């Protein structure tokens, strides 16, 4: 089956157009740039998240499925720990919330409390799942995050403790697939030891729920039967996902494997698109610098070059002098 046939099968005719796919890759980033023009003050995250949630609630199943498939990657242009990064992560949480509603958790909501609570409360009737929705930038310094940045089991137990005991189902950790550990990680031992059911699922797997119209009960059943699905603790991502996916998509397993492989192509296209955007940006910055330098008089350029070279050669010694004056009696 070729690319176009797979796109039609899983995402519909609308995404046969590469331009439409790129529009989806940039959708959250575009929403932010369209709605926030001044970053000198922190944006109203709650109102922007509400507006975003209303927008995606109107998406067709195919549009939402495709958007979820490639989600969880923070734009490279955002400064680390910036208001942009925070807002982007919050909108990914809103996307996870919309996904949960679409599969039948109709009482799901985003948490507005800043700490000590889950990102998304996934809920239907008297059943509650606490969710931590992860996003990372493609250009992070290591291929996979540290375990401590991924999961703290005590957090899930604390989040669940806010709900009545008979409501608690378990925890849910959503994750971008390109940041998974290739061989082993303690993260998978934490989510497979059976003490508190915590399901780790990548965004492509979540999107398959929508492809096959799989309802909320399947996720609840997995958590209710977690000890029988994961009978032994494992650090292996492949072993963990094999057991989880076999349970969730047992009647569609071969089709899911095809879908998952196809999603790899979608993610690669998104990565290439991201790299093109960054390279275009770098080229433009370079041209802007050249234009600026052309306007500076030669004598001023010499002066700036001398200062720059001096600080390059002597910068560390200058810092040491400052520290001596600050911390040592003289």
C-alpha atoms as a PDB file:
ATOM      1  CA  UNK A   1       0.000   0.000   0.000  1.00  0.00           C
ATOM      2  CA  UNK A   2       1.508   3.351  -1.032  1.00  0.00           C
ATOM      3  CA  UNK A   3       1.602   6.632   0.864  1.00  0.00           C
ATOM      4  CA  UNK A   4      -1.603   8.041  -0.623  1.00  0.00           C
ATOM      5  CA  UNK A   5      -3.549   4.833   0.055  1.00  0.00           C
ATOM      6  CA  UNK A   6      -2.436   4.834   3.698  1.00  0.00           C
ATOM      7  CA  UNK A   7      -3.338   8.499   4.101  1.00  0.00           C
ATOM      8  CA  UNK A   8      -6.796   7.875   2.659  1.00  0.00           C
ATOM      9  CA  UNK A   9      -7.306   4.795   4.803  1.00  0.00           C
ATOM     10  CA  UNK A  10      -6.337   6.335   8.125  1.00  0.00           C
ATOM     11  CA  UNK A  11      -6.746  10.097   7.746  1.00  0.00           C
ATOM     12  CA  UNK A  12      -9.047  10.658   4.785  1.00  0.00           C
ATOM     13  CA  UNK A  13      -8.633  12.537   1.495  1.00  0.00           C
ATOM     14  CA  UNK A  14      -8.027  15.884   3.186  1.00  0.00           C
ATOM     15  CA  UNK A  15      -4.432  14.981   4.069  1.00  0.00           C
ATOM     16  CA  UNK A  16      -3.456  13.815   0.586  1.00  0.00           C
ATOM     17  CA  UNK A  17      -2.254  17.397   0.202  1.00  0.00           C
ATOM     18  CA  UNK A  18       1.197  17.954   1.706  1.00  0.00           C
ATOM     19  CA  UNK A  19       0.227  21.573   2.351  1.00  0.00           C
ATOM     20  CA  UNK A  20      -2.651  20.361   4.509  1.00  0.00           C
ATOM     21  CA  UNK A  21      -0.326  18.072   6.433  1.00  0.00           C
ATOM     22  CA  UNK A  22       2.116  20.940   7.026  1.00  0.00           C
ATOM     23  CA  UNK A  23      -0.773  23.103   8.202  1.00  0.00           C
ATOM     24  CA  UNK A  24      -1.480  20.427  10.813  1.00  0.00           C
ATOM     25  CA  UNK A  25       2.201  20.133  11.821  1.00  0.00           C
ATOM     26  CA  UNK A  26       2.211  23.892  12.501  1.00  0.00           C
ATOM     27  CA  UNK A  27      -1.331  24.138  13.848  1.00  0.00           C
ATOM     28  CA  UNK A  28      -0.614  24.700  17.554  1.00  0.00           C
ATOM     29  CA  UNK A  29       2.333  27.001  16.854  1.00  0.00           C
ATOM     30  CA  UNK A  30       0.215  29.004  14.386  1.00  0.00           C
ATOM     31  CA  UNK A  31      -2.625  29.265  16.891  1.00  0.00           C
ATOM     32  CA  UNK A  32      -0.218  30.749  19.431  1.00  0.00           C
ATOM     33  CA  UNK A  33       1.330  33.263  17.016  1.00  0.00           C
ATOM     34  CA  UNK A  34      -2.122  34.323  15.792  1.00  0.00           C
ATOM     35  CA  UNK A  35      -3.433  34.889  19.300  1.00  0.00           C
ATOM     36  CA  UNK A  36      -0.432  36.285  21.178  1.00  0.00           C
ATOM     37  CA  UNK A  37       1.359  39.269  19.652  1.00  0.00           C
ATOM     38  CA  UNK A  38       2.999  40.699  22.779  1.00  0.00           C
ATOM     39  CA  UNK A  39       5.219  38.463  24.905  1.00  0.00           C
ATOM     40  CA  UNK A  40       6.401  41.276  27.197  1.00  0.00           C
ATOM     41  CA  UNK A  41       3.642  40.206  29.568  1.00  0.00           C
ATOM     42  CA  UNK A  42       2.518  36.669  30.306  1.00  0.00           C
ATOM     43  CA  UNK A  43      -0.439  35.605  28.141  1.00  0.00           C
ATOM     44  CA  UNK A  44      -3.821  34.668  29.590  1.00  0.00           C
ATOM     45  CA  UNK A  45      -3.216  30.938  29.387  1.00  0.00           C
ATOM     46  CA  UNK A  46      -6.656  29.935  30.672  1.00  0.00           C
ATOM     47  CA  UNK A  47      -8.612  31.947  28.101  1.00  0.00           C
ATOM     48  CA  UNK A  48      -6.299  30.909  25.245  1.00  0.00           C
ATOM     49  CA  UNK A  49      -6.608  27.262  26.251  1.00  0.00           C
ATOM     50  CA  UNK A  50     -10.383  27.583  26.332  1.00  0.00           C
ATOM     51  CA  UNK A  51     -10.391  29.143  22.853  1.00  0.00           C
ATOM     52  CA  UNK A  52      -8.095  26.401  21.543  1.00  0.00           C
ATOM     53  CA  UNK A  53     -10.278  23.689  23.080  1.00  0.00           C
ATOM     54  CA  UNK A  54     -13.353  25.127  21.363  1.00  0.00           C
ATOM     55  CA  UNK A  55     -11.556  25.155  18.027  1.00  0.00           C
ATOM     56  CA  UNK A  56     -10.379  21.563  18.126  1.00  0.00           C
ATOM     57  CA  UNK A  57     -13.784  20.411  19.390  1.00  0.00           C
ATOM     58  CA  UNK A  58     -15.081  21.306  15.890  1.00  0.00           C
ATOM     59  CA  UNK A  59     -12.416  19.199  14.133  1.00  0.00           C
ATOM     60  CA  UNK A  60     -13.510  16.177  12.151  1.00  0.00           C
ATOM     61  CA  UNK A  61     -12.376  12.795  13.425  1.00  0.00           C
ATOM     62  CA  UNK A  62      -9.727  12.686  10.691  1.00  0.00           C
ATOM     63  CA  UNK A  63      -8.377  16.147  11.507  1.00  0.00           C
ATOM     64  CA  UNK A  64      -8.095  15.358  15.204  1.00  0.00           C
ATOM     65  CA  UNK A  65      -6.578  11.923  14.534  1.00  0.00           C
ATOM     66  CA  UNK A  66      -3.837  13.410  12.358  1.00  0.00           C
ATOM     67  CA  UNK A  67      -3.095  16.235  14.798  1.00  0.00           C
ATOM     68  CA  UNK A  68      -2.766  13.853  17.743  1.00  0.00           C
ATOM     69  CA  UNK A  69      -0.584  11.484  15.721  1.00  0.00           C
ATOM     70  CA  UNK A  70       2.293  13.985  15.440  1.00  0.00           C
ATOM     71  CA  UNK A  71       1.794  15.861  18.732  1.00  0.00           C
ATOM     72  CA  UNK A  72       4.072  16.390  21.703  1.00  0.00           C
ATOM     73  CA  UNK A  73       6.941  18.280  20.035  1.00  0.00           C
ATOM     74  CA  UNK A  74       7.626  21.813  21.281  1.00  0.00           C
ATOM     75  CA  UNK A  75       8.792  24.245  18.550  1.00  0.00           C
ATOM     76  CA  UNK A  76      12.535  24.852  18.439  1.00  0.00           C
ATOM     77  CA  UNK A  77      12.076  28.637  18.252  1.00  0.00           C
ATOM     78  CA  UNK A  78      10.679  28.805  21.783  1.00  0.00           C
ATOM     79  CA  UNK A  79      13.102  29.743  24.554  1.00  0.00           C
ATOM     80  CA  UNK A  80      13.486  27.108  27.266  1.00  0.00           C
ATOM     81  CA  UNK A  81      11.076  27.600  30.181  1.00  0.00           C
ATOM     82  CA  UNK A  82       9.469  30.528  28.348  1.00  0.00           C
ATOM     83  CA  UNK A  83       5.815  31.594  28.354  1.00  0.00           C
ATOM     84  CA  UNK A  84       5.571  30.256  24.800  1.00  0.00           C
ATOM     85  CA  UNK A  85       6.810  26.829  25.840  1.00  0.00           C
ATOM     86  CA  UNK A  86       4.424  26.762  28.816  1.00  0.00           C
ATOM     87  CA  UNK A  87       1.462  27.726  26.653  1.00  0.00           C
ATOM     88  CA  UNK A  88       2.333  25.181  23.963  1.00  0.00           C
ATOM     89  CA  UNK A  89       2.529  22.398  26.559  1.00  0.00           C
ATOM     90  CA  UNK A  90      -0.838  23.470  27.956  1.00  0.00           C
ATOM     91  CA  UNK A  91      -2.429  23.271  24.505  1.00  0.00           C
ATOM     92  CA  UNK A  92      -1.081  19.737  24.086  1.00  0.00           C
ATOM     93  CA  UNK A  93      -2.832  18.929  27.367  1.00  0.00           C
ATOM     94  CA  UNK A  94      -6.026  20.397  25.883  1.00  0.00           C
ATOM     95  CA  UNK A  95      -5.574  18.128  22.882  1.00  0.00           C
ATOM     96  CA  UNK A  96      -5.294  15.092  25.162  1.00  0.00           C
ATOM     97  CA  UNK A  97      -8.438  16.234  26.959  1.00  0.00           C
ATOM     98  CA  UNK A  98     -10.334  16.487  23.647  1.00  0.00           C
ATOM     99  CA  UNK A  99      -9.098  12.999  22.725  1.00  0.00           C
ATOM    100  CA  UNK A 100     -10.472  11.602  25.985  1.00  0.00           C
ATOM    101  CA  UNK A 101     -13.848  13.243  25.346  1.00  0.00           C
ATOM    102  CA  UNK A 102     -13.962  11.837  21.816  1.00  0.00           C
ATOM    103  CA  UNK A 103     -13.444   8.261  23.023  1.00  0.00           C
ATOM    104  CA  UNK A 104     -16.206   8.640  25.597  1.00  0.00           C
ATOM    105  CA  UNK A 105     -14.742  10.199  28.746  1.00  0.00           C
ATOM    106  CA  UNK A 106     -17.337  12.958  28.457  1.00  0.00           C
ATOM    107  CA  UNK A 107     -16.639  14.570  31.848  1.00  0.00           C
ATOM    108  CA  UNK A 108     -12.919  15.095  31.222  1.00  0.00           C
ATOM    109  CA  UNK A 109     -11.376  18.451  32.071  1.00  0.00           C
ATOM    110  CA  UNK A 110      -8.102  20.343  32.258  1.00  0.00           C
ATOM    111  CA  UNK A 111      -6.705  21.132  35.669  1.00  0.00           C
ATOM    112  CA  UNK A 112      -6.170  24.839  36.379  1.00  0.00           C
ATOM    113  CA  UNK A 113      -4.409  24.270  39.688  1.00  0.00           C
ATOM    114  CA  UNK A 114      -0.701  24.978  39.160  1.00  0.00           C
ATOM    115  CA  UNK A 115       0.744  22.181  41.290  1.00  0.00           C
ATOM    116  CA  UNK A 116      -0.105  18.973  43.127  1.00  0.00           C
ATOM    117  CA  UNK A 117      -2.674  17.973  40.501  1.00  0.00           C
ATOM    118  CA  UNK A 118      -2.683  16.032  37.252  1.00  0.00           C
ATOM    119  CA  UNK A 119      -2.621  17.821  33.861  1.00  0.00           C
ATOM    120  CA  UNK A 120      -5.868  16.260  32.643  1.00  0.00           C
ATOM    121  CA  UNK A 121      -8.662  14.659  34.628  1.00  0.00           C
ATOM    122  CA  UNK A 122     -10.014  11.907  32.386  1.00  0.00           C
ATOM    123  CA  UNK A 123     -13.480  11.089  33.650  1.00  0.00           C
ATOM    124  CA  UNK A 124     -16.765   9.416  32.807  1.00  0.00           C
ATOM    125  CA  UNK A 125     -19.564   9.023  35.362  1.00  0.00           C
ATOM    126  CA  UNK A 126     -17.869   7.713  38.519  1.00  0.00           C
ATOM    127  CA  UNK A 127     -14.552   6.641  36.927  1.00  0.00           C
ATOM    128  CA  UNK A 128     -11.426   8.842  37.081  1.00  0.00           C
ATOM    129  CA  UNK A 129      -8.020   8.519  35.417  1.00  0.00           C
ATOM    130  CA  UNK A 130      -5.298  11.062  36.232  1.00  0.00           C
ATOM    131  CA  UNK A 131      -3.170  12.071  33.265  1.00  0.00           C
ATOM    132  CA  UNK A 132       0.258  13.633  32.819  1.00  0.00           C
ATOM    133  CA  UNK A 133       0.681  14.840  29.196  1.00  0.00           C
ATOM    134  CA  UNK A 134       4.316  15.178  28.107  1.00  0.00           C
ATOM    135  CA  UNK A 135       5.853  17.391  25.419  1.00  0.00           C
ATOM    136  CA  UNK A 136       9.520  17.813  24.510  1.00  0.00           C
ATOM    137  CA  UNK A 137      11.428  19.704  21.832  1.00  0.00           C
ATOM    138  CA  UNK A 138      13.013  17.661  19.045  1.00  0.00           C
ATOM    139  CA  UNK A 139      16.372  19.344  19.620  1.00  0.00           C
ATOM    140  CA  UNK A 140      16.728  18.439  23.304  1.00  0.00           C
ATOM    141  CA  UNK A 141      20.272  17.517  24.312  1.00  0.00           C
ATOM    142  CA  UNK A 142      19.587  13.807  24.809  1.00  0.00           C
ATOM    143  CA  UNK A 143      17.392  11.457  22.805  1.00  0.00           C
ATOM    144  CA  UNK A 144      15.218  10.523  25.803  1.00  0.00           C
ATOM    145  CA  UNK A 145      14.430  12.476  28.996  1.00  0.00           C
ATOM    146  CA  UNK A 146      15.651  11.591  32.450  1.00  0.00           C
ATOM    147  CA  UNK A 147      13.396   9.259  34.397  1.00  0.00           C
ATOM    148  CA  UNK A 148      12.794  11.938  37.049  1.00  0.00           C
ATOM    149  CA  UNK A 149      11.491  14.264  34.301  1.00  0.00           C
ATOM    150  CA  UNK A 150       9.075  11.587  33.119  1.00  0.00           C
ATOM    151  CA  UNK A 151       7.368   9.899  36.020  1.00  0.00           C
ATOM    152  CA  UNK A 152       7.091  10.011  39.784  1.00  0.00           C
ATOM    153  CA  UNK A 153       4.751   7.267  40.948  1.00  0.00           C
ATOM    154  CA  UNK A 154       4.062   9.096  44.188  1.00  0.00           C
ATOM    155  CA  UNK A 155       2.561  11.954  42.165  1.00  0.00           C
ATOM    156  CA  UNK A 156      -0.040   9.678  40.613  1.00  0.00           C
ATOM    157  CA  UNK A 157      -0.954   8.243  43.993  1.00  0.00           C
ATOM    158  CA  UNK A 158      -1.287  11.775  45.406  1.00  0.00           C
ATOM    159  CA  UNK A 159      -3.437  12.915  42.448  1.00  0.00           C
ATOM    160  CA  UNK A 160      -5.715   9.895  42.797  1.00  0.00           C
ATOM    161  CA  UNK A 161      -6.079  10.516  46.527  1.00  0.00           C
ATOM    162  CA  UNK A 162      -8.165  13.630  45.770  1.00  0.00           C
ATOM    163  CA  UNK A 163     -10.940  11.351  44.461  1.00  0.00           C
ATOM    164  CA  UNK A 164     -13.173   8.824  46.194  1.00  0.00           C
ATOM    165  CA  UNK A 165     -11.583   5.414  46.395  1.00  0.00           C
ATOM    166  CA  UNK A 166     -14.276   3.739  44.296  1.00  0.00           C
ATOM    167  CA  UNK A 167     -13.739   6.350  41.526  1.00  0.00           C
ATOM    168  CA  UNK A 168     -10.009   5.748  41.079  1.00  0.00           C
ATOM    169  CA  UNK A 169      -9.025   3.759  37.995  1.00  0.00           C
ATOM    170  CA  UNK A 170      -5.353   4.616  37.491  1.00  0.00           C
ATOM    171  CA  UNK A 171      -2.839   6.895  35.825  1.00  0.00           C
ATOM    172  CA  UNK A 172      -2.177   7.777  32.203  1.00  0.00           C
ATOM    173  CA  UNK A 173       1.119   9.086  30.786  1.00  0.00           C
ATOM    174  CA  UNK A 174       1.075  10.440  27.214  1.00  0.00           C
ATOM    175  CA  UNK A 175       4.392  10.688  25.408  1.00  0.00           C
ATOM    176  CA  UNK A 176       6.005  11.695  22.076  1.00  0.00           C
ATOM    177  CA  UNK A 177       7.392   8.552  20.453  1.00  0.00           C
ATOM    178  CA  UNK A 178      10.686  10.071  19.230  1.00  0.00           C
ATOM    179  CA  UNK A 179      11.724  10.565  22.856  1.00  0.00           C
ATOM    180  CA  UNK A 180      11.210   6.952  23.898  1.00  0.00           C
ATOM    181  CA  UNK A 181      14.110   4.940  25.275  1.00  0.00           C
ATOM    182  CA  UNK A 182      15.474   2.596  22.614  1.00  0.00           C
ATOM    183  CA  UNK A 183      16.411  -0.347  24.837  1.00  0.00           C
ATOM    184  CA  UNK A 184      15.458  -0.068  28.490  1.00  0.00           C
ATOM    185  CA  UNK A 185      14.437   2.403  31.141  1.00  0.00           C
ATOM    186  CA  UNK A 186      13.278   2.416  34.732  1.00  0.00           C
ATOM    187  CA  UNK A 187      10.194   4.246  33.466  1.00  0.00           C
ATOM    188  CA  UNK A 188       8.849   0.962  32.100  1.00  0.00           C
ATOM    189  CA  UNK A 189       9.523  -0.853  35.347  1.00  0.00           C
ATOM    190  CA  UNK A 190       7.466   1.834  37.112  1.00  0.00           C
ATOM    191  CA  UNK A 191       4.520   1.465  34.726  1.00  0.00           C
ATOM    192  CA  UNK A 192       4.579  -2.345  34.683  1.00  0.00           C
ATOM    193  CA  UNK A 193       5.023  -3.257  38.346  1.00  0.00           C
ATOM    194  CA  UNK A 194       1.288  -3.427  38.992  1.00  0.00           C
ATOM    195  CA  UNK A 195       1.088  -1.505  42.269  1.00  0.00           C
ATOM    196  CA  UNK A 196      -0.743   1.455  40.708  1.00  0.00           C
ATOM    197  CA  UNK A 197      -1.960   0.987  37.130  1.00  0.00           C
ATOM    198  CA  UNK A 198      -0.190   3.663  35.043  1.00  0.00           C
ATOM    199  CA  UNK A 199      -0.533   3.297  31.294  1.00  0.00           C
ATOM    200  CA  UNK A 200       2.175   4.888  29.151  1.00  0.00           C
ATOM    201  CA  UNK A 201       0.902   5.578  25.653  1.00  0.00           C
ATOM    202  CA  UNK A 202       2.502   7.467  22.754  1.00  0.00           C
ATOM    203  CA  UNK A 203       0.408   9.874  20.709  1.00  0.00           C
ATOM    204  CA  UNK A 204       0.291   7.606  17.640  1.00  0.00           C
ATOM    205  CA  UNK A 205      -1.293   4.862  19.750  1.00  0.00           C
ATOM    206  CA  UNK A 206      -3.852   7.333  21.075  1.00  0.00           C
ATOM    207  CA  UNK A 207      -4.767   8.398  17.545  1.00  0.00           C
ATOM    208  CA  UNK A 208      -5.500   4.757  16.644  1.00  0.00           C
ATOM    209  CA  UNK A 209      -8.314   4.767  19.203  1.00  0.00           C
ATOM    210  CA  UNK A 210     -10.021   7.321  16.954  1.00  0.00           C
ATOM    211  CA  UNK A 211      -9.180   5.472  13.740  1.00  0.00           C
ATOM    212  CA  UNK A 212     -11.023   2.367  14.949  1.00  0.00           C
ATOM    213  CA  UNK A 213     -13.624   4.128  17.124  1.00  0.00           C
ATOM    214  CA  UNK A 214     -12.384   2.295  20.215  1.00  0.00           C
ATOM    215  CA  UNK A 215     -14.274   3.540  23.265  1.00  0.00           C
ATOM    216  CA  UNK A 216     -13.282   4.521  26.785  1.00  0.00           C
ATOM    217  CA  UNK A 217     -14.173   1.172  28.324  1.00  0.00           C
ATOM    218  CA  UNK A 218     -11.172  -0.502  26.702  1.00  0.00           C
ATOM    219  CA  UNK A 219      -8.766   1.777  28.590  1.00  0.00           C
ATOM    220  CA  UNK A 220     -10.633   1.219  31.858  1.00  0.00           C
ATOM    221  CA  UNK A 221     -10.579  -2.548  31.291  1.00  0.00           C
ATOM    222  CA  UNK A 222      -6.819  -2.437  30.706  1.00  0.00           C
ATOM    223  CA  UNK A 223      -6.271  -0.682  34.019  1.00  0.00           C
ATOM    224  CA  UNK A 224      -8.692  -2.963  35.855  1.00  0.00           C
ATOM    225  CA  UNK A 225      -6.788  -5.995  34.524  1.00  0.00           C
ATOM    226  CA  UNK A 226      -3.319  -4.490  34.686  1.00  0.00           C
ATOM    227  CA  UNK A 227      -1.812  -7.237  36.838  1.00  0.00           C
ATOM    228  CA  UNK A 228      -2.900  -9.906  34.386  1.00  0.00           C
ATOM    229  CA  UNK A 229      -1.628  -7.949  31.364  1.00  0.00           C
ATOM    230  CA  UNK A 230       1.700  -7.071  32.993  1.00  0.00           C
ATOM    231  CA  UNK A 231       2.435 -10.118  35.107  1.00  0.00           C
ATOM    232  CA  UNK A 232       6.122  -9.241  35.441  1.00  0.00           C
ATOM    233  CA  UNK A 233       8.002  -5.981  35.799  1.00  0.00           C
ATOM    234  CA  UNK A 234      10.069  -5.052  32.748  1.00  0.00           C
ATOM    235  CA  UNK A 235      12.432  -2.268  31.709  1.00  0.00           C
ATOM    236  CA  UNK A 236      11.972  -3.091  28.038  1.00  0.00           C
ATOM    237  CA  UNK A 237       9.814  -0.661  26.007  1.00  0.00           C
ATOM    238  CA  UNK A 238       9.158  -3.282  23.324  1.00  0.00           C
ATOM    239  CA  UNK A 239       7.956  -5.831  25.891  1.00  0.00           C
ATOM    240  CA  UNK A 240       5.800  -3.274  27.663  1.00  0.00           C
ATOM    241  CA  UNK A 241       4.147  -2.014  24.480  1.00  0.00           C
ATOM    242  CA  UNK A 242       3.644  -5.489  23.045  1.00  0.00           C
ATOM    243  CA  UNK A 243       1.552  -6.486  26.056  1.00  0.00           C
ATOM    244  CA  UNK A 244      -0.315  -3.177  26.251  1.00  0.00           C
ATOM    245  CA  UNK A 245      -1.078  -2.920  22.538  1.00  0.00           C
ATOM    246  CA  UNK A 246      -2.050  -6.577  22.218  1.00  0.00           C
ATOM    247  CA  UNK A 247      -4.655  -6.034  24.929  1.00  0.00           C
ATOM    248  CA  UNK A 248      -5.971  -2.748  23.577  1.00  0.00           C
ATOM    249  CA  UNK A 249      -5.988  -3.555  19.868  1.00  0.00           C
ATOM    250  CA  UNK A 250      -6.175  -7.349  19.951  1.00  0.00           C
ATOM    251  CA  UNK A 251      -8.667  -7.632  17.078  1.00  0.00           C
ATOM    252  CA  UNK A 252      -6.800  -4.983  15.032  1.00  0.00           C
ATOM    253  CA  UNK A 253      -3.208  -5.892  15.927  1.00  0.00           C
ATOM    254  CA  UNK A 254      -1.883  -6.430  12.382  1.00  0.00           C
ATOM    255  CA  UNK A 255      -3.614  -3.284  11.156  1.00  0.00           C
ATOM    256  CA  UNK A 256      -2.219  -1.290  14.072  1.00  0.00           C
ATOM    257  CA  UNK A 257       1.297  -2.477  13.219  1.00  0.00           C
ATOM    258  CA  UNK A 258       0.771  -1.134   9.682  1.00  0.00           C
ATOM    259  CA  UNK A 259      -0.646   2.123  11.034  1.00  0.00           C
ATOM    260  CA  UNK A 260       2.252   2.509  13.447  1.00  0.00           C
ATOM    261  CA  UNK A 261       4.805   2.018  10.672  1.00  0.00           C
ATOM    262  CA  UNK A 262       2.957   4.516   8.521  1.00  0.00           C
ATOM    263  CA  UNK A 263       2.973   7.041  11.372  1.00  0.00           C
ATOM    264  CA  UNK A 264       6.769   6.789  11.394  1.00  0.00           C
ATOM    265  CA  UNK A 265       6.691   8.312   7.901  1.00  0.00           C
ATOM    266  CA  UNK A 266       4.388  11.087   9.097  1.00  0.00           C
ATOM    267  CA  UNK A 267       6.692  11.897  12.003  1.00  0.00           C
ATOM    268  CA  UNK A 268       9.737  11.897   9.701  1.00  0.00           C
ATOM    269  CA  UNK A 269       7.963  14.345   7.404  1.00  0.00           C
ATOM    270  CA  UNK A 270       7.244  16.565  10.412  1.00  0.00           C
ATOM    271  CA  UNK A 271      10.894  16.391  11.535  1.00  0.00           C
ATOM    272  CA  UNK A 272      12.089  17.358   8.048  1.00  0.00           C
ATOM    273  CA  UNK A 273       9.588  20.218   7.977  1.00  0.00           C
ATOM    274  CA  UNK A 274      10.861  21.421  11.367  1.00  0.00           C
ATOM    275  CA  UNK A 275      14.469  21.317  10.180  1.00  0.00           C
ATOM    276  CA  UNK A 276      13.585  23.264   7.033  1.00  0.00           C
ATOM    277  CA  UNK A 277      11.892  25.950   9.128  1.00  0.00           C
ATOM    278  CA  UNK A 278      14.891  26.261  11.445  1.00  0.00           C
ATOM    279  CA  UNK A 279      17.353  26.376   8.532  1.00  0.00           C
ATOM    280  CA  UNK A 280      15.277  29.045   6.782  1.00  0.00           C
ATOM    281  CA  UNK A 281      15.236  31.047  10.003  1.00  0.00           C
ATOM    282  CA  UNK A 282      19.008  30.747  10.406  1.00  0.00           C
ATOM    283  CA  UNK A 283      19.572  31.879   6.816  1.00  0.00           C
ATOM    284  CA  UNK A 284      17.367  34.917   7.367  1.00  0.00           C
ATOM    285  CA  UNK A 285      19.168  35.809  10.601  1.00  0.00           C
ATOM    286  CA  UNK A 286      22.491  35.549   8.760  1.00  0.00           C
ATOM    287  CA  UNK A 287      21.271  37.889   6.023  1.00  0.00           C
ATOM    288  CA  UNK A 288      19.967  40.348   8.618  1.00  0.00           C
ATOM    289  CA  UNK A 289      23.353  40.393  10.337  1.00  0.00           C
ATOM    290  CA  UNK A 290      25.109  41.058   7.029  1.00  0.00           C
ATOM    291  CA  UNK A 291      22.731  43.928   6.280  1.00  0.00           C
ATOM    292  CA  UNK A 292      23.327  45.385   9.732  1.00  0.00           C
ATOM    293  CA  UNK A 293      27.129  45.064   9.528  1.00  0.00           C
ATOM    294  CA  UNK A 294      27.114  46.844   6.160  1.00  0.00           C
ATOM    295  CA  UNK A 295      25.721  49.945   7.875  1.00  0.00           C
ATOM    296  CA  UNK A 296      28.453  50.175  10.564  1.00  0.00           C
ATOM    297  CA  UNK A 297      31.504  52.412   9.965  1.00  0.00           C
ATOM    298  CA  UNK A 298      34.871  50.622   9.654  1.00  0.00           C
ATOM    299  CA  UNK A 299      36.374  52.184  12.807  1.00  0.00           C
ATOM    300  CA  UNK A 300      33.405  51.112  14.888  1.00  0.00           C
ATOM    301  CA  UNK A 301      33.675  47.598  13.448  1.00  0.00           C
ATOM    302  CA  UNK A 302      37.347  47.445  14.466  1.00  0.00           C
ATOM    303  CA  UNK A 303      36.503  48.597  17.970  1.00  0.00           C
ATOM    304  CA  UNK A 304      33.711  45.994  18.302  1.00  0.00           C
ATOM    305  CA  UNK A 305      35.998  43.252  16.961  1.00  0.00           C
ATOM    306  CA  UNK A 306      38.750  44.138  19.448  1.00  0.00           C
ATOM    307  CA  UNK A 307      36.271  44.045  22.357  1.00  0.00           C
ATOM    308  CA  UNK A 308      34.799  40.742  21.179  1.00  0.00           C
ATOM    309  CA  UNK A 309      38.213  39.108  20.787  1.00  0.00           C
ATOM    310  CA  UNK A 310      39.349  40.390  24.189  1.00  0.00           C
ATOM    311  CA  UNK A 311      36.291  38.924  25.927  1.00  0.00           C
ATOM    312  CA  UNK A 312      36.700  35.636  24.048  1.00  0.00           C
ATOM    313  CA  UNK A 313      40.321  35.275  25.200  1.00  0.00           C
ATOM    314  CA  UNK A 314      40.022  36.804  28.678  1.00  0.00           C
ATOM    315  CA  UNK A 315      36.373  36.262  29.622  1.00  0.00           C
ATOM    316  CA  UNK A 316      37.068  33.429  32.050  1.00  0.00           C
ATOM    317  CA  UNK A 317      39.798  35.376  33.847  1.00  0.00           C
ATOM    318  CA  UNK A 318      37.499  38.380  34.146  1.00  0.00           C
ATOM    319  CA  UNK A 319      34.881  36.163  35.816  1.00  0.00           C
ATOM    320  CA  UNK A 320      37.515  34.815  38.215  1.00  0.00           C
ATOM    321  CA  UNK A 321      38.534  38.364  39.217  1.00  0.00           C
ATOM    322  CA  UNK A 322      34.872  39.160  39.951  1.00  0.00           C
ATOM    323  CA  UNK A 323      34.575  36.023  42.115  1.00  0.00           C
ATOM    324  CA  UNK A 324      37.793  36.806  43.996  1.00  0.00           C
ATOM    325  CA  UNK A 325      36.516  40.283  44.831  1.00  0.00           C
ATOM    326  CA  UNK A 326      33.142  38.886  45.850  1.00  0.00           C
ATOM    327  CA  UNK A 327      34.129  35.834  47.887  1.00  0.00           C
ATOM    328  CA  UNK A 328      37.739  36.381  49.104  1.00  0.00           C
ATOM    329  CA  UNK A 329      38.928  39.085  51.535  1.00  0.00           C
ATOM    330  CA  UNK A 330      41.403  41.540  50.035  1.00  0.00           C
END
